[in-house]
Amino acid sequence: MAAASAIRPSPERVLDESVSFGPSLGNLPLPVTIHPARPLTDEELLRFCEQNDGVEIESDADGSIRLMTPARFKTSRLNQRLSGSLMVWAEQTGNGVVCGPDLGVRFPDLVLRAPDAAWLSNERVKQAEEQELVDPGFLHFCPEFIAELRSHTDRASEIEARMEFWMERGALLGWLIDPKRKLAMIYRPEREPETLLRPEFLLGEGPIEGFRLEMREFWA
């Protein structure tokens, strides 16, 4: 595969592609950023994600694609704890559905992001199902609730910027859980985030009012 590579100051490889790249890049050392000759369509990006199953993939407005390091055991376990607790509550209330980190949200400017956990109301679920009949593929609007869990490779500034991104794109509530600093940050529209140091639990509000997440496992 013809490519010109460069090393950034961060430990991230960059592949600048002037021709189409191969179907699977999972054998490259991760993380890696790819610059296709042009931004991929939804269909092409979906196919690329399928061909690189098991690798977290996101893209930016300039068409660049990032393949990121798979989660370590602890991060994966805590992600499941977060999504699982939210799913149990959603099933009990019947007022919405939960999606995990395999959900791709692609906005009109071609930015693709995958939240660690997301909740959509039944109204938004209906909207997503109607959208899929016309344009099957990624979700094209922001879920009402977003949760992000800081992994071992995330810088604090990066994960906080990620939460700001979700709030700017329409989320009504956001939780950032940071096991490394042993804190949680609550994001609300047009307000400064609230920081809680090692809380025993997080209480839902707004779109997920009534949900309670026990936090002891996240601080262990």
N, C-alpha and C. Protein backbone atom coordinates (compact mmCIF):
# COMPACT_ATOMS: atom_id res chain seq x y z
N MET A 1 0.85 -1.18 0.00
CA MET A 1 0.00 0.00 0.00
C MET A 1 0.88 1.23 0.00
N ALA A 2 0.73 2.13 -1.00
CA ALA A 2 1.55 3.32 -1.09
C ALA A 2 1.08 4.33 -0.07
N ALA A 3 2.00 4.77 0.80
CA ALA A 3 1.62 5.74 1.82
C ALA A 3 2.83 6.49 2.28
N ALA A 4 2.64 7.76 2.63
CA ALA A 4 3.70 8.55 3.23
C ALA A 4 3.34 8.73 4.68
N SER A 5 4.20 8.33 5.61
CA SER A 5 3.86 8.39 7.03
C SER A 5 4.69 9.43 7.74
N ALA A 6 4.16 9.93 8.85
CA ALA A 6 4.86 10.90 9.68
C ALA A 6 4.54 10.59 11.12
N ILE A 7 5.39 11.01 12.03
CA ILE A 7 5.18 10.78 13.44
C ILE A 7 4.84 12.11 14.09
N ARG A 8 3.70 12.16 14.77
CA ARG A 8 3.33 13.35 15.51
C ARG A 8 4.01 13.33 16.87
N PRO A 9 4.00 14.48 17.59
CA PRO A 9 4.53 14.48 18.95
C PRO A 9 3.80 13.50 19.85
N SER A 10 2.51 13.30 19.63
CA SER A 10 1.78 12.30 20.39
C SER A 10 2.04 10.93 19.77
N PRO A 11 1.79 9.83 20.52
CA PRO A 11 2.10 8.50 20.00
C PRO A 11 1.06 8.01 19.01
N GLU A 12 0.82 8.80 17.98
CA GLU A 12 -0.22 8.46 17.01
C GLU A 12 0.38 8.49 15.62
N ARG A 13 0.30 7.39 14.89
CA ARG A 13 0.79 7.34 13.52
C ARG A 13 -0.23 7.96 12.59
N VAL A 14 0.26 8.58 11.52
CA VAL A 14 -0.59 9.22 10.53
C VAL A 14 -0.26 8.65 9.16
N LEU A 15 -1.27 8.16 8.46
CA LEU A 15 -1.10 7.68 7.10
C LEU A 15 -1.84 8.62 6.18
N ASP A 16 -1.12 9.22 5.24
CA ASP A 16 -1.72 10.16 4.30
C ASP A 16 -1.94 9.41 3.00
N GLU A 17 -3.19 9.17 2.66
CA GLU A 17 -3.53 8.32 1.53
C GLU A 17 -3.94 9.13 0.31
N SER A 18 -3.22 9.00 -0.79
CA SER A 18 -3.62 9.63 -2.04
C SER A 18 -4.39 8.66 -2.93
N VAL A 19 -4.38 7.39 -2.54
CA VAL A 19 -5.17 6.39 -3.25
C VAL A 19 -6.01 5.66 -2.22
N SER A 20 -6.97 4.88 -2.70
CA SER A 20 -7.84 4.16 -1.77
C SER A 20 -7.02 3.15 -0.98
N PHE A 21 -7.35 3.01 0.31
CA PHE A 21 -6.61 2.10 1.17
C PHE A 21 -7.28 0.73 1.17
N GLY A 22 -6.56 -0.24 1.66
CA GLY A 22 -7.05 -1.61 1.69
C GLY A 22 -8.23 -1.78 2.60
N PRO A 23 -8.90 -2.93 2.53
CA PRO A 23 -10.14 -3.13 3.28
C PRO A 23 -9.94 -3.20 4.78
N SER A 24 -8.82 -3.68 5.25
CA SER A 24 -8.63 -3.84 6.69
C SER A 24 -7.25 -3.32 7.09
N LEU A 25 -7.24 -2.49 8.12
CA LEU A 25 -5.99 -1.92 8.61
C LEU A 25 -5.75 -2.32 10.06
N GLY A 26 -6.46 -3.34 10.50
CA GLY A 26 -6.37 -3.76 11.89
C GLY A 26 -5.02 -4.28 12.31
N ASN A 27 -4.13 -4.60 11.33
CA ASN A 27 -2.81 -5.12 11.68
C ASN A 27 -1.80 -4.00 11.92
N LEU A 28 -2.20 -2.74 11.72
CA LEU A 28 -1.30 -1.62 11.98
C LEU A 28 -1.23 -1.35 13.48
N PRO A 29 -0.07 -0.87 13.96
CA PRO A 29 0.00 -0.46 15.36
C PRO A 29 -0.93 0.71 15.63
N LEU A 30 -1.72 0.61 16.68
CA LEU A 30 -2.72 1.63 16.99
C LEU A 30 -2.26 2.50 18.15
N PRO A 31 -2.74 3.77 18.22
CA PRO A 31 -3.70 4.41 17.32
C PRO A 31 -3.06 4.88 16.03
N VAL A 32 -3.88 5.03 15.00
CA VAL A 32 -3.39 5.49 13.70
C VAL A 32 -4.46 6.38 13.08
N THR A 33 -4.01 7.42 12.36
CA THR A 33 -4.92 8.32 11.64
C THR A 33 -4.67 8.17 10.15
N ILE A 34 -5.75 8.03 9.40
CA ILE A 34 -5.69 7.85 7.95
C ILE A 34 -6.34 9.06 7.29
N HIS A 35 -5.72 9.53 6.22
CA HIS A 35 -6.27 10.65 5.45
C HIS A 35 -6.60 10.16 4.05
N PRO A 36 -7.83 9.72 3.79
CA PRO A 36 -8.20 9.29 2.44
C PRO A 36 -8.13 10.46 1.46
N ALA A 37 -8.11 10.12 0.18
CA ALA A 37 -8.05 11.15 -0.86
C ALA A 37 -9.28 12.05 -0.81
N ARG A 38 -10.38 11.53 -0.31
CA ARG A 38 -11.62 12.30 -0.15
C ARG A 38 -12.39 11.73 1.03
N PRO A 39 -13.28 12.52 1.64
CA PRO A 39 -14.10 11.98 2.73
C PRO A 39 -14.96 10.82 2.25
N LEU A 40 -15.10 9.80 3.06
CA LEU A 40 -15.90 8.65 2.70
C LEU A 40 -17.38 8.94 2.90
N THR A 41 -18.21 8.35 2.06
CA THR A 41 -19.65 8.42 2.27
C THR A 41 -20.02 7.55 3.46
N ASP A 42 -21.26 7.67 3.92
CA ASP A 42 -21.74 6.82 5.01
C ASP A 42 -21.57 5.34 4.66
N GLU A 43 -21.96 5.00 3.44
CA GLU A 43 -21.89 3.60 3.01
C GLU A 43 -20.45 3.09 3.02
N GLU A 44 -19.53 3.90 2.51
CA GLU A 44 -18.12 3.50 2.48
C GLU A 44 -17.54 3.40 3.88
N LEU A 45 -17.90 4.34 4.74
CA LEU A 45 -17.38 4.33 6.10
C LEU A 45 -17.95 3.16 6.89
N LEU A 46 -19.22 2.84 6.66
CA LEU A 46 -19.82 1.67 7.31
C LEU A 46 -19.10 0.39 6.88
N ARG A 47 -18.81 0.28 5.59
CA ARG A 47 -18.11 -0.89 5.09
C ARG A 47 -16.71 -0.99 5.70
N PHE A 48 -16.05 0.15 5.82
CA PHE A 48 -14.72 0.18 6.41
C PHE A 48 -14.77 -0.25 7.88
N CYS A 49 -15.80 0.21 8.61
CA CYS A 49 -15.97 -0.20 10.01
C CYS A 49 -16.20 -1.70 10.12
N GLU A 50 -17.03 -2.24 9.22
CA GLU A 50 -17.31 -3.68 9.24
C GLU A 50 -16.05 -4.49 8.95
N GLN A 51 -15.23 -4.01 8.05
CA GLN A 51 -14.01 -4.73 7.67
C GLN A 51 -12.93 -4.63 8.75
N ASN A 52 -13.10 -3.69 9.66
CA ASN A 52 -12.17 -3.54 10.78
C ASN A 52 -12.91 -3.73 12.10
N ASP A 53 -13.75 -4.74 12.14
CA ASP A 53 -14.56 -5.02 13.32
C ASP A 53 -13.67 -5.24 14.54
N GLY A 54 -14.10 -4.66 15.66
CA GLY A 54 -13.33 -4.80 16.88
C GLY A 54 -12.41 -3.63 17.16
N VAL A 55 -12.26 -2.72 16.18
CA VAL A 55 -11.44 -1.53 16.34
C VAL A 55 -12.36 -0.32 16.41
N GLU A 56 -12.17 0.54 17.41
CA GLU A 56 -12.99 1.74 17.52
C GLU A 56 -12.56 2.74 16.46
N ILE A 57 -13.53 3.22 15.67
CA ILE A 57 -13.24 4.08 14.54
C ILE A 57 -14.07 5.36 14.64
N GLU A 58 -13.42 6.49 14.44
CA GLU A 58 -14.10 7.78 14.39
C GLU A 58 -13.54 8.58 13.22
N SER A 59 -14.27 9.61 12.80
CA SER A 59 -13.78 10.44 11.71
C SER A 59 -14.08 11.90 12.00
N ASP A 60 -13.33 12.78 11.33
CA ASP A 60 -13.49 14.22 11.51
C ASP A 60 -14.00 14.87 10.23
N ALA A 61 -14.31 16.15 10.34
CA ALA A 61 -14.92 16.86 9.22
C ALA A 61 -14.04 16.90 7.98
N ASP A 62 -12.71 16.82 8.16
CA ASP A 62 -11.80 16.84 7.01
C ASP A 62 -11.69 15.49 6.32
N GLY A 63 -12.43 14.50 6.81
CA GLY A 63 -12.41 13.17 6.20
C GLY A 63 -11.42 12.21 6.84
N SER A 64 -10.56 12.70 7.73
CA SER A 64 -9.58 11.82 8.37
C SER A 64 -10.28 10.80 9.26
N ILE A 65 -9.68 9.61 9.32
CA ILE A 65 -10.24 8.49 10.08
C ILE A 65 -9.24 8.05 11.13
N ARG A 66 -9.71 7.89 12.36
CA ARG A 66 -8.85 7.42 13.44
C ARG A 66 -9.25 6.02 13.86
N LEU A 67 -8.26 5.13 13.88
CA LEU A 67 -8.43 3.79 14.43
C LEU A 67 -7.76 3.79 15.80
N MET A 68 -8.53 3.51 16.84
CA MET A 68 -8.04 3.67 18.19
C MET A 68 -7.79 2.34 18.88
N THR A 69 -6.98 2.39 19.92
CA THR A 69 -6.59 1.20 20.67
C THR A 69 -7.82 0.59 21.34
N PRO A 70 -8.00 -0.74 21.25
CA PRO A 70 -9.11 -1.38 21.96
C PRO A 70 -9.00 -1.16 23.46
N ALA A 71 -10.15 -1.19 24.13
CA ALA A 71 -10.18 -0.95 25.58
C ALA A 71 -9.49 -2.09 26.34
N ARG A 72 -8.83 -1.72 27.43
CA ARG A 72 -8.27 -2.72 28.33
C ARG A 72 -9.39 -3.36 29.13
N PHE A 73 -9.03 -4.42 29.86
CA PHE A 73 -10.03 -5.21 30.58
C PHE A 73 -10.85 -4.35 31.53
N LYS A 74 -10.19 -3.53 32.37
CA LYS A 74 -10.92 -2.75 33.37
C LYS A 74 -11.86 -1.75 32.71
N THR A 75 -11.37 -1.06 31.68
CA THR A 75 -12.22 -0.08 30.99
C THR A 75 -13.41 -0.76 30.35
N SER A 76 -13.19 -1.91 29.71
CA SER A 76 -14.29 -2.65 29.09
C SER A 76 -15.32 -3.08 30.13
N ARG A 77 -14.83 -3.57 31.26
CA ARG A 77 -15.74 -4.02 32.33
C ARG A 77 -16.58 -2.86 32.87
N LEU A 78 -15.94 -1.71 33.08
CA LEU A 78 -16.68 -0.55 33.59
C LEU A 78 -17.65 -0.01 32.55
N ASN A 79 -17.27 -0.07 31.27
CA ASN A 79 -18.20 0.32 30.21
C ASN A 79 -19.46 -0.53 30.25
N GLN A 80 -19.27 -1.84 30.43
CA GLN A 80 -20.41 -2.74 30.50
C GLN A 80 -21.25 -2.47 31.74
N ARG A 81 -20.60 -2.14 32.84
CA ARG A 81 -21.31 -1.80 34.08
C ARG A 81 -22.18 -0.57 33.86
N LEU A 82 -21.62 0.43 33.21
CA LEU A 82 -22.35 1.66 32.94
C LEU A 82 -23.54 1.41 32.02
N SER A 83 -23.28 0.80 30.87
CA SER A 83 -24.35 0.55 29.90
C SER A 83 -25.39 -0.41 30.45
N GLY A 84 -24.91 -1.45 31.17
CA GLY A 84 -25.83 -2.45 31.71
C GLY A 84 -26.78 -1.86 32.72
N SER A 85 -26.27 -1.03 33.63
CA SER A 85 -27.13 -0.41 34.64
C SER A 85 -28.16 0.50 33.99
N LEU A 86 -27.71 1.26 32.99
CA LEU A 86 -28.62 2.15 32.29
C LEU A 86 -29.68 1.35 31.53
N MET A 87 -29.28 0.22 30.96
CA MET A 87 -30.22 -0.60 30.20
C MET A 87 -31.29 -1.22 31.10
N VAL A 88 -30.88 -1.70 32.28
CA VAL A 88 -31.86 -2.27 33.22
C VAL A 88 -32.91 -1.22 33.58
N TRP A 89 -32.44 -0.01 33.87
CA TRP A 89 -33.38 1.07 34.22
C TRP A 89 -34.29 1.40 33.04
N ALA A 90 -33.74 1.49 31.84
CA ALA A 90 -34.54 1.82 30.66
C ALA A 90 -35.60 0.76 30.39
N GLU A 91 -35.24 -0.50 30.58
CA GLU A 91 -36.21 -1.57 30.37
C GLU A 91 -37.31 -1.53 31.43
N GLN A 92 -36.97 -1.16 32.64
CA GLN A 92 -37.97 -1.07 33.71
C GLN A 92 -38.94 0.07 33.47
N THR A 93 -38.45 1.19 32.99
CA THR A 93 -39.31 2.35 32.77
C THR A 93 -40.01 2.31 31.41
N GLY A 94 -39.37 1.68 30.42
CA GLY A 94 -39.94 1.60 29.09
C GLY A 94 -40.00 2.92 28.36
N ASN A 95 -39.18 3.90 28.80
CA ASN A 95 -39.27 5.23 28.21
C ASN A 95 -38.17 5.55 27.20
N GLY A 96 -37.35 4.54 26.86
CA GLY A 96 -36.30 4.79 25.88
C GLY A 96 -35.41 3.57 25.72
N VAL A 97 -34.35 3.73 24.94
CA VAL A 97 -33.43 2.62 24.70
C VAL A 97 -32.00 3.10 24.94
N VAL A 98 -31.11 2.14 25.18
CA VAL A 98 -29.71 2.40 25.47
C VAL A 98 -28.85 1.84 24.35
N CYS A 99 -27.82 2.59 23.97
CA CYS A 99 -26.84 2.13 23.00
C CYS A 99 -25.45 2.20 23.63
N GLY A 100 -24.59 1.29 23.21
CA GLY A 100 -23.23 1.24 23.72
C GLY A 100 -22.23 1.84 22.76
N PRO A 101 -20.95 1.55 22.97
CA PRO A 101 -19.89 2.18 22.16
C PRO A 101 -19.84 1.73 20.71
N ASP A 102 -20.67 0.76 20.32
CA ASP A 102 -20.72 0.38 18.92
C ASP A 102 -21.67 1.27 18.11
N LEU A 103 -22.32 2.23 18.79
CA LEU A 103 -23.18 3.17 18.09
C LEU A 103 -22.33 4.23 17.40
N GLY A 104 -22.57 4.43 16.11
CA GLY A 104 -21.90 5.49 15.38
C GLY A 104 -22.85 6.64 15.14
N VAL A 105 -22.47 7.84 15.57
CA VAL A 105 -23.28 9.04 15.33
C VAL A 105 -22.51 9.91 14.35
N ARG A 106 -23.05 10.09 13.16
CA ARG A 106 -22.37 10.90 12.13
C ARG A 106 -23.21 12.13 11.82
N PHE A 107 -22.60 13.28 12.02
CA PHE A 107 -23.30 14.55 11.87
C PHE A 107 -23.17 15.06 10.44
N PRO A 108 -23.98 16.08 10.07
CA PRO A 108 -23.94 16.58 8.68
C PRO A 108 -22.57 17.05 8.22
N ASP A 109 -21.69 17.49 9.16
CA ASP A 109 -20.36 17.93 8.76
C ASP A 109 -19.38 16.76 8.63
N LEU A 110 -19.90 15.51 8.66
CA LEU A 110 -19.15 14.27 8.45
C LEU A 110 -18.36 13.81 9.69
N VAL A 111 -18.48 14.51 10.80
CA VAL A 111 -17.84 14.06 12.03
C VAL A 111 -18.56 12.81 12.54
N LEU A 112 -17.79 11.76 12.82
CA LEU A 112 -18.33 10.51 13.35
C LEU A 112 -17.78 10.30 14.76
N ARG A 113 -18.68 10.07 15.72
CA ARG A 113 -18.28 9.80 17.08
C ARG A 113 -19.07 8.60 17.61
N ALA A 114 -18.47 7.93 18.59
CA ALA A 114 -19.10 6.75 19.20
C ALA A 114 -19.07 6.94 20.71
N PRO A 115 -20.21 7.24 21.35
CA PRO A 115 -20.23 7.44 22.79
C PRO A 115 -20.08 6.12 23.53
N ASP A 116 -19.55 6.18 24.75
CA ASP A 116 -19.45 4.96 25.55
C ASP A 116 -20.82 4.43 25.93
N ALA A 117 -21.75 5.33 26.22
CA ALA A 117 -23.14 4.93 26.50
C ALA A 117 -24.04 6.09 26.09
N ALA A 118 -25.21 5.75 25.58
CA ALA A 118 -26.16 6.77 25.16
C ALA A 118 -27.58 6.29 25.42
N TRP A 119 -28.45 7.22 25.72
CA TRP A 119 -29.87 6.92 25.92
C TRP A 119 -30.69 7.81 24.99
N LEU A 120 -31.67 7.18 24.32
CA LEU A 120 -32.58 7.90 23.44
C LEU A 120 -34.01 7.65 23.91
N SER A 121 -34.82 8.71 23.96
CA SER A 121 -36.23 8.57 24.30
C SER A 121 -36.96 7.82 23.20
N ASN A 122 -38.15 7.33 23.52
CA ASN A 122 -38.94 6.61 22.52
C ASN A 122 -39.23 7.48 21.31
N GLU A 123 -39.39 8.78 21.54
CA GLU A 123 -39.63 9.69 20.43
C GLU A 123 -38.43 9.74 19.49
N ARG A 124 -37.22 9.80 20.08
CA ARG A 124 -36.01 9.81 19.26
C ARG A 124 -35.78 8.45 18.60
N VAL A 125 -36.15 7.38 19.29
CA VAL A 125 -36.02 6.05 18.69
C VAL A 125 -36.88 5.96 17.43
N LYS A 126 -38.10 6.47 17.51
CA LYS A 126 -38.99 6.47 16.34
C LYS A 126 -38.38 7.28 15.21
N GLN A 127 -37.79 8.42 15.56
CA GLN A 127 -37.12 9.26 14.56
C GLN A 127 -35.97 8.51 13.91
N ALA A 128 -35.20 7.78 14.72
CA ALA A 128 -34.06 7.02 14.19
C ALA A 128 -34.54 5.89 13.27
N GLU A 129 -35.63 5.24 13.65
CA GLU A 129 -36.16 4.14 12.83
C GLU A 129 -36.69 4.67 11.51
N GLU A 130 -37.34 5.82 11.52
CA GLU A 130 -37.84 6.42 10.29
C GLU A 130 -36.67 6.85 9.39
N GLN A 131 -35.63 7.38 10.02
CA GLN A 131 -34.44 7.78 9.26
C GLN A 131 -33.79 6.58 8.60
N GLU A 132 -33.76 5.47 9.32
CA GLU A 132 -33.08 4.27 8.81
C GLU A 132 -33.80 3.68 7.60
N LEU A 133 -35.11 3.88 7.51
CA LEU A 133 -35.85 3.39 6.35
C LEU A 133 -35.40 4.10 5.08
N VAL A 134 -35.06 5.38 5.22
CA VAL A 134 -34.65 6.19 4.08
C VAL A 134 -33.15 6.11 3.85
N ASP A 135 -32.40 6.14 4.96
CA ASP A 135 -30.95 6.22 4.89
C ASP A 135 -30.33 5.29 5.94
N PRO A 136 -30.31 3.98 5.67
CA PRO A 136 -29.76 3.06 6.65
C PRO A 136 -28.28 3.30 6.88
N GLY A 137 -27.89 3.29 8.10
CA GLY A 137 -26.47 3.53 8.41
C GLY A 137 -26.31 4.11 9.79
N PHE A 138 -25.55 5.19 9.89
CA PHE A 138 -25.27 5.80 11.17
C PHE A 138 -26.47 6.60 11.67
N LEU A 139 -26.49 6.85 12.97
CA LEU A 139 -27.44 7.79 13.54
C LEU A 139 -26.97 9.19 13.16
N HIS A 140 -27.91 10.07 12.79
CA HIS A 140 -27.52 11.39 12.31
C HIS A 140 -27.94 12.52 13.24
N PHE A 141 -28.22 12.22 14.49
CA PHE A 141 -28.50 13.26 15.48
C PHE A 141 -28.01 12.78 16.84
N CYS A 142 -27.82 13.74 17.74
CA CYS A 142 -27.24 13.43 19.04
C CYS A 142 -28.27 12.82 19.99
N PRO A 143 -27.95 11.74 20.67
CA PRO A 143 -28.84 11.21 21.72
C PRO A 143 -29.03 12.24 22.84
N GLU A 144 -30.11 12.09 23.58
CA GLU A 144 -30.40 13.06 24.65
C GLU A 144 -29.43 12.93 25.82
N PHE A 145 -28.99 11.71 26.13
CA PHE A 145 -28.05 11.51 27.24
C PHE A 145 -26.81 10.80 26.72
N ILE A 146 -25.66 11.32 27.12
CA ILE A 146 -24.37 10.75 26.72
C ILE A 146 -23.52 10.53 27.97
N ALA A 147 -22.86 9.38 28.04
CA ALA A 147 -21.89 9.12 29.11
C ALA A 147 -20.58 8.69 28.48
N GLU A 148 -19.50 9.24 29.00
CA GLU A 148 -18.16 8.88 28.55
C GLU A 148 -17.33 8.44 29.75
N LEU A 149 -16.57 7.39 29.56
CA LEU A 149 -15.70 6.84 30.60
C LEU A 149 -14.26 7.04 30.17
N ARG A 150 -13.47 7.72 30.99
CA ARG A 150 -12.07 7.96 30.63
C ARG A 150 -11.29 6.65 30.68
N SER A 151 -10.59 6.35 29.60
CA SER A 151 -9.79 5.13 29.52
C SER A 151 -8.35 5.44 29.90
N HIS A 152 -7.51 4.41 29.90
CA HIS A 152 -6.11 4.58 30.29
C HIS A 152 -5.33 5.43 29.29
N THR A 153 -5.81 5.53 28.05
CA THR A 153 -5.08 6.29 27.03
C THR A 153 -5.61 7.71 26.86
N ASP A 154 -6.74 8.04 27.47
CA ASP A 154 -7.35 9.36 27.29
C ASP A 154 -6.66 10.42 28.16
N ARG A 155 -6.32 11.53 27.56
CA ARG A 155 -5.90 12.68 28.35
C ARG A 155 -7.15 13.34 28.94
N ALA A 156 -7.02 13.93 30.12
CA ALA A 156 -8.17 14.58 30.75
C ALA A 156 -8.75 15.66 29.85
N SER A 157 -7.88 16.46 29.22
CA SER A 157 -8.34 17.54 28.35
C SER A 157 -9.10 16.99 27.14
N GLU A 158 -8.67 15.83 26.63
CA GLU A 158 -9.32 15.24 25.46
C GLU A 158 -10.72 14.75 25.80
N ILE A 159 -10.86 14.07 26.93
CA ILE A 159 -12.18 13.50 27.27
C ILE A 159 -13.15 14.62 27.66
N GLU A 160 -12.63 15.69 28.27
CA GLU A 160 -13.49 16.82 28.59
C GLU A 160 -13.94 17.54 27.32
N ALA A 161 -13.04 17.69 26.36
CA ALA A 161 -13.41 18.29 25.08
C ALA A 161 -14.44 17.43 24.36
N ARG A 162 -14.32 16.14 24.52
CA ARG A 162 -15.27 15.21 23.91
C ARG A 162 -16.67 15.43 24.47
N MET A 163 -16.75 15.63 25.79
CA MET A 163 -18.06 15.88 26.40
C MET A 163 -18.62 17.22 25.96
N GLU A 164 -17.76 18.23 25.85
CA GLU A 164 -18.22 19.53 25.35
C GLU A 164 -18.78 19.39 23.94
N PHE A 165 -18.13 18.55 23.14
CA PHE A 165 -18.61 18.30 21.77
C PHE A 165 -20.05 17.79 21.79
N TRP A 166 -20.33 16.78 22.62
CA TRP A 166 -21.67 16.22 22.68
C TRP A 166 -22.70 17.26 23.11
N MET A 167 -22.34 18.08 24.09
CA MET A 167 -23.29 19.09 24.56
C MET A 167 -23.55 20.13 23.48
N GLU A 168 -22.52 20.50 22.74
CA GLU A 168 -22.70 21.47 21.65
C GLU A 168 -23.56 20.89 20.53
N ARG A 169 -23.56 19.56 20.39
CA ARG A 169 -24.31 18.92 19.31
C ARG A 169 -25.74 18.56 19.72
N GLY A 170 -26.15 18.90 20.95
CA GLY A 170 -27.56 18.72 21.29
C GLY A 170 -27.88 17.80 22.45
N ALA A 171 -26.89 17.24 23.12
CA ALA A 171 -27.18 16.40 24.28
C ALA A 171 -27.83 17.25 25.38
N LEU A 172 -28.77 16.65 26.09
CA LEU A 172 -29.46 17.35 27.17
C LEU A 172 -28.81 17.10 28.53
N LEU A 173 -28.00 16.05 28.61
CA LEU A 173 -27.29 15.73 29.85
C LEU A 173 -26.09 14.87 29.49
N GLY A 174 -24.97 15.12 30.15
CA GLY A 174 -23.78 14.32 29.91
C GLY A 174 -23.07 13.99 31.20
N TRP A 175 -22.56 12.76 31.29
CA TRP A 175 -21.76 12.33 32.45
C TRP A 175 -20.38 11.93 31.95
N LEU A 176 -19.37 12.51 32.55
CA LEU A 176 -18.00 12.08 32.31
C LEU A 176 -17.51 11.40 33.59
N ILE A 177 -17.15 10.14 33.48
CA ILE A 177 -16.67 9.37 34.62
C ILE A 177 -15.17 9.15 34.45
N ASP A 178 -14.40 9.61 35.42
CA ASP A 178 -12.94 9.59 35.33
C ASP A 178 -12.36 8.76 36.47
N PRO A 179 -12.19 7.45 36.28
CA PRO A 179 -11.62 6.61 37.34
C PRO A 179 -10.20 7.00 37.72
N LYS A 180 -9.46 7.58 36.77
CA LYS A 180 -8.08 7.94 37.04
C LYS A 180 -7.98 9.05 38.09
N ARG A 181 -8.82 10.09 37.94
CA ARG A 181 -8.84 11.19 38.90
C ARG A 181 -9.89 10.97 39.99
N LYS A 182 -10.64 9.89 39.87
CA LYS A 182 -11.69 9.53 40.83
C LYS A 182 -12.70 10.67 41.00
N LEU A 183 -13.25 11.07 39.87
CA LEU A 183 -14.25 12.12 39.87
C LEU A 183 -15.24 11.91 38.73
N ALA A 184 -16.38 12.56 38.87
CA ALA A 184 -17.39 12.56 37.81
C ALA A 184 -17.75 14.01 37.51
N MET A 185 -18.02 14.30 36.24
CA MET A 185 -18.40 15.64 35.83
C MET A 185 -19.77 15.57 35.17
N ILE A 186 -20.67 16.45 35.62
CA ILE A 186 -22.03 16.49 35.10
C ILE A 186 -22.14 17.67 34.15
N TYR A 187 -22.54 17.39 32.91
CA TYR A 187 -22.66 18.42 31.88
C TYR A 187 -24.13 18.70 31.60
N ARG A 188 -24.47 19.99 31.60
CA ARG A 188 -25.82 20.44 31.30
C ARG A 188 -25.73 21.55 30.25
N PRO A 189 -26.74 21.69 29.40
CA PRO A 189 -26.65 22.71 28.33
C PRO A 189 -26.45 24.11 28.89
N GLU A 190 -25.50 24.83 28.27
CA GLU A 190 -25.24 26.24 28.57
C GLU A 190 -24.89 26.49 30.03
N ARG A 191 -24.28 25.51 30.68
CA ARG A 191 -23.83 25.68 32.07
C ARG A 191 -22.44 25.07 32.20
N GLU A 192 -21.68 25.58 33.16
CA GLU A 192 -20.38 25.00 33.45
C GLU A 192 -20.57 23.60 34.03
N PRO A 193 -19.70 22.65 33.70
CA PRO A 193 -19.86 21.31 34.26
C PRO A 193 -19.67 21.30 35.77
N GLU A 194 -20.42 20.44 36.43
CA GLU A 194 -20.32 20.26 37.89
C GLU A 194 -19.40 19.08 38.16
N THR A 195 -18.40 19.28 39.01
CA THR A 195 -17.44 18.23 39.33
C THR A 195 -17.73 17.64 40.70
N LEU A 196 -17.83 16.31 40.76
CA LEU A 196 -18.09 15.60 42.01
C LEU A 196 -16.89 14.69 42.29
N LEU A 197 -16.29 14.85 43.45
CA LEU A 197 -15.14 14.04 43.82
C LEU A 197 -15.59 12.73 44.46
N ARG A 198 -15.26 11.64 43.82
CA ARG A 198 -15.54 10.29 44.30
C ARG A 198 -16.96 10.14 44.85
N PRO A 199 -17.97 10.46 44.06
CA PRO A 199 -19.35 10.33 44.56
C PRO A 199 -19.73 8.86 44.77
N GLU A 200 -20.60 8.61 45.73
CA GLU A 200 -21.08 7.25 45.99
C GLU A 200 -22.02 6.79 44.89
N PHE A 201 -22.74 7.74 44.31
CA PHE A 201 -23.67 7.42 43.23
C PHE A 201 -23.91 8.67 42.40
N LEU A 202 -24.43 8.48 41.19
CA LEU A 202 -24.88 9.57 40.33
C LEU A 202 -26.38 9.44 40.14
N LEU A 203 -27.09 10.54 40.28
CA LEU A 203 -28.54 10.54 40.11
C LEU A 203 -28.90 11.19 38.78
N GLY A 204 -29.72 10.50 38.00
CA GLY A 204 -30.15 11.04 36.73
C GLY A 204 -31.09 12.21 36.90
N GLU A 205 -31.13 13.05 35.91
CA GLU A 205 -32.03 14.20 35.89
C GLU A 205 -32.41 14.45 34.44
N GLY A 206 -33.34 15.36 34.23
CA GLY A 206 -33.73 15.68 32.86
C GLY A 206 -34.19 14.44 32.10
N PRO A 207 -33.52 14.09 31.00
CA PRO A 207 -33.97 12.97 30.17
C PRO A 207 -33.92 11.62 30.88
N ILE A 208 -33.04 11.46 31.87
CA ILE A 208 -32.94 10.17 32.57
C ILE A 208 -33.27 10.32 34.06
N GLU A 209 -34.22 11.19 34.37
CA GLU A 209 -34.62 11.38 35.76
C GLU A 209 -35.12 10.06 36.35
N GLY A 210 -34.63 9.71 37.51
CA GLY A 210 -35.00 8.46 38.16
C GLY A 210 -33.92 7.39 38.08
N PHE A 211 -32.93 7.58 37.20
CA PHE A 211 -31.84 6.62 37.09
C PHE A 211 -30.81 6.88 38.18
N ARG A 212 -30.28 5.81 38.76
CA ARG A 212 -29.24 5.92 39.78
C ARG A 212 -28.11 4.95 39.44
N LEU A 213 -26.89 5.47 39.41
CA LEU A 213 -25.72 4.65 39.09
C LEU A 213 -24.82 4.58 40.32
N GLU A 214 -24.65 3.39 40.88
CA GLU A 214 -23.74 3.20 41.99
C GLU A 214 -22.30 3.29 41.48
N MET A 215 -21.45 4.01 42.21
CA MET A 215 -20.13 4.35 41.69
C MET A 215 -18.97 3.62 42.35
N ARG A 216 -19.20 2.83 43.37
CA ARG A 216 -18.10 2.23 44.12
C ARG A 216 -17.13 1.46 43.21
N GLU A 217 -17.66 0.71 42.26
CA GLU A 217 -16.82 -0.09 41.38
C GLU A 217 -15.90 0.77 40.50
N PHE A 218 -16.35 1.99 40.19
CA PHE A 218 -15.56 2.86 39.32
C PHE A 218 -14.34 3.43 40.04
N TRP A 219 -14.37 3.49 41.34
CA TRP A 219 -13.27 4.06 42.10
C TRP A 219 -12.34 3.00 42.69
N ALA A 220 -12.66 1.73 42.50
CA ALA A 220 -11.86 0.66 43.09
C ALA A 220 -10.48 0.58 42.45
